[in-house]
Amino acid sequence: MRTITAFLLLAAAIGAAWTISPAQARDYRYCLYERYGEDCSFNTYAQCQASASGRAAYCNLNRRFAVAQQPVRRRRVQ
């Protein structure tokens, strides 16, 4: 009985390890800024505004997202 239980636990652990993928870092476009911090987990401005409703908070572009989206300027070498 112990070997069957050990085998099932080992199979469950291997199955869980096989299906779990690492978390992916993602910068969302909008942040909710309030007195004690920020929450940058909104894809749209409307989502952010809905979360800010009734609170002393405001929405704005995520600074990390805005900086990452700027095009690279290349100077001409003469």
Protein backbone atom coordinates (compact mmCIF):
# COMPACT_ATOMS: atom_id res chain seq x y z
CA MET A 1 0.00 0.00 0.00
CA ARG A 2 2.87 2.36 0.78
CA THR A 3 4.48 1.84 -2.58
CA ILE A 4 1.22 2.59 -4.40
CA THR A 5 0.74 5.79 -2.37
CA ALA A 6 4.34 6.84 -2.95
CA PHE A 7 4.01 6.15 -6.67
CA LEU A 8 0.79 8.19 -6.91
CA LEU A 9 2.34 11.12 -5.02
CA LEU A 10 5.40 11.00 -7.25
CA ALA A 11 3.24 10.87 -10.37
CA ALA A 12 1.17 13.82 -9.12
CA ALA A 13 4.32 15.84 -8.38
CA ILE A 14 5.78 15.12 -11.83
CA GLY A 15 2.46 15.99 -13.48
CA ALA A 16 2.24 19.28 -11.58
CA ALA A 17 5.83 20.18 -12.45
CA TRP A 18 5.17 19.35 -16.10
CA THR A 19 2.12 21.62 -16.40
CA ILE A 20 3.31 24.61 -14.36
CA SER A 21 4.99 27.28 -16.45
CA PRO A 22 7.07 30.13 -15.05
CA ALA A 23 5.38 33.47 -14.49
CA GLN A 24 5.87 35.99 -17.23
CA ALA A 25 6.63 39.58 -16.43
CA ARG A 26 4.38 41.96 -18.29
CA ASP A 27 4.10 45.70 -18.33
CA TYR A 28 0.52 46.83 -18.64
CA ARG A 29 -0.33 50.07 -20.40
CA TYR A 30 -2.15 51.92 -17.59
CA CYS A 31 -1.50 52.39 -13.88
CA LEU A 32 -3.74 53.41 -11.04
CA TYR A 33 -1.88 55.91 -8.87
CA GLU A 34 -3.02 56.56 -5.34
CA ARG A 35 -1.62 57.90 -2.12
CA TYR A 36 0.17 54.75 -1.00
CA GLY A 37 1.39 53.33 -4.26
CA GLU A 38 0.49 52.26 -7.74
CA ASP A 39 -1.23 49.34 -9.41
CA CYS A 40 -0.06 48.77 -12.97
CA SER A 41 -2.37 45.95 -14.01
CA PHE A 42 -4.74 47.52 -16.51
CA ASN A 43 -4.86 46.98 -20.27
CA THR A 44 -7.31 49.79 -20.98
CA TYR A 45 -7.95 53.24 -19.57
CA ALA A 46 -11.60 52.28 -18.94
CA GLN A 47 -10.53 49.36 -16.73
CA CYS A 48 -8.32 51.66 -14.71
CA GLN A 49 -11.04 54.32 -14.39
CA ALA A 50 -13.54 51.73 -13.19
CA SER A 51 -11.14 50.65 -10.47
CA ALA A 52 -10.38 54.26 -9.48
CA SER A 53 -14.06 55.14 -9.19
CA GLY A 54 -14.96 56.23 -5.67
CA ARG A 55 -11.35 56.37 -4.49
CA ALA A 56 -8.81 59.14 -4.22
CA ALA A 57 -6.87 57.80 -7.20
CA TYR A 58 -6.18 58.61 -10.83
CA CYS A 59 -5.09 56.74 -13.94
CA ASN A 60 -2.20 57.48 -16.24
CA LEU A 61 0.13 55.70 -18.64
CA ASN A 62 2.56 53.25 -17.11
CA ARG A 63 5.97 54.92 -17.14
CA ARG A 64 7.81 51.67 -17.85
CA PHE A 65 5.49 50.88 -20.75
CA ALA A 66 5.77 54.37 -22.22
CA VAL A 67 9.57 54.34 -22.12
CA ALA A 68 9.77 50.87 -23.64
CA GLN A 69 7.59 51.89 -26.61
CA GLN A 70 9.67 54.87 -27.74
CA PRO A 71 11.36 54.42 -31.10
CA VAL A 72 15.12 54.39 -31.16
CA ARG A 73 16.62 57.45 -32.79
CA ARG A 74 19.65 56.89 -34.94
CA ARG A 75 22.01 59.61 -35.88
CA ARG A 76 23.49 59.84 -39.31
CA VAL A 77 27.20 59.47 -39.43
CA GLN A 78 28.82 61.65 -42.06
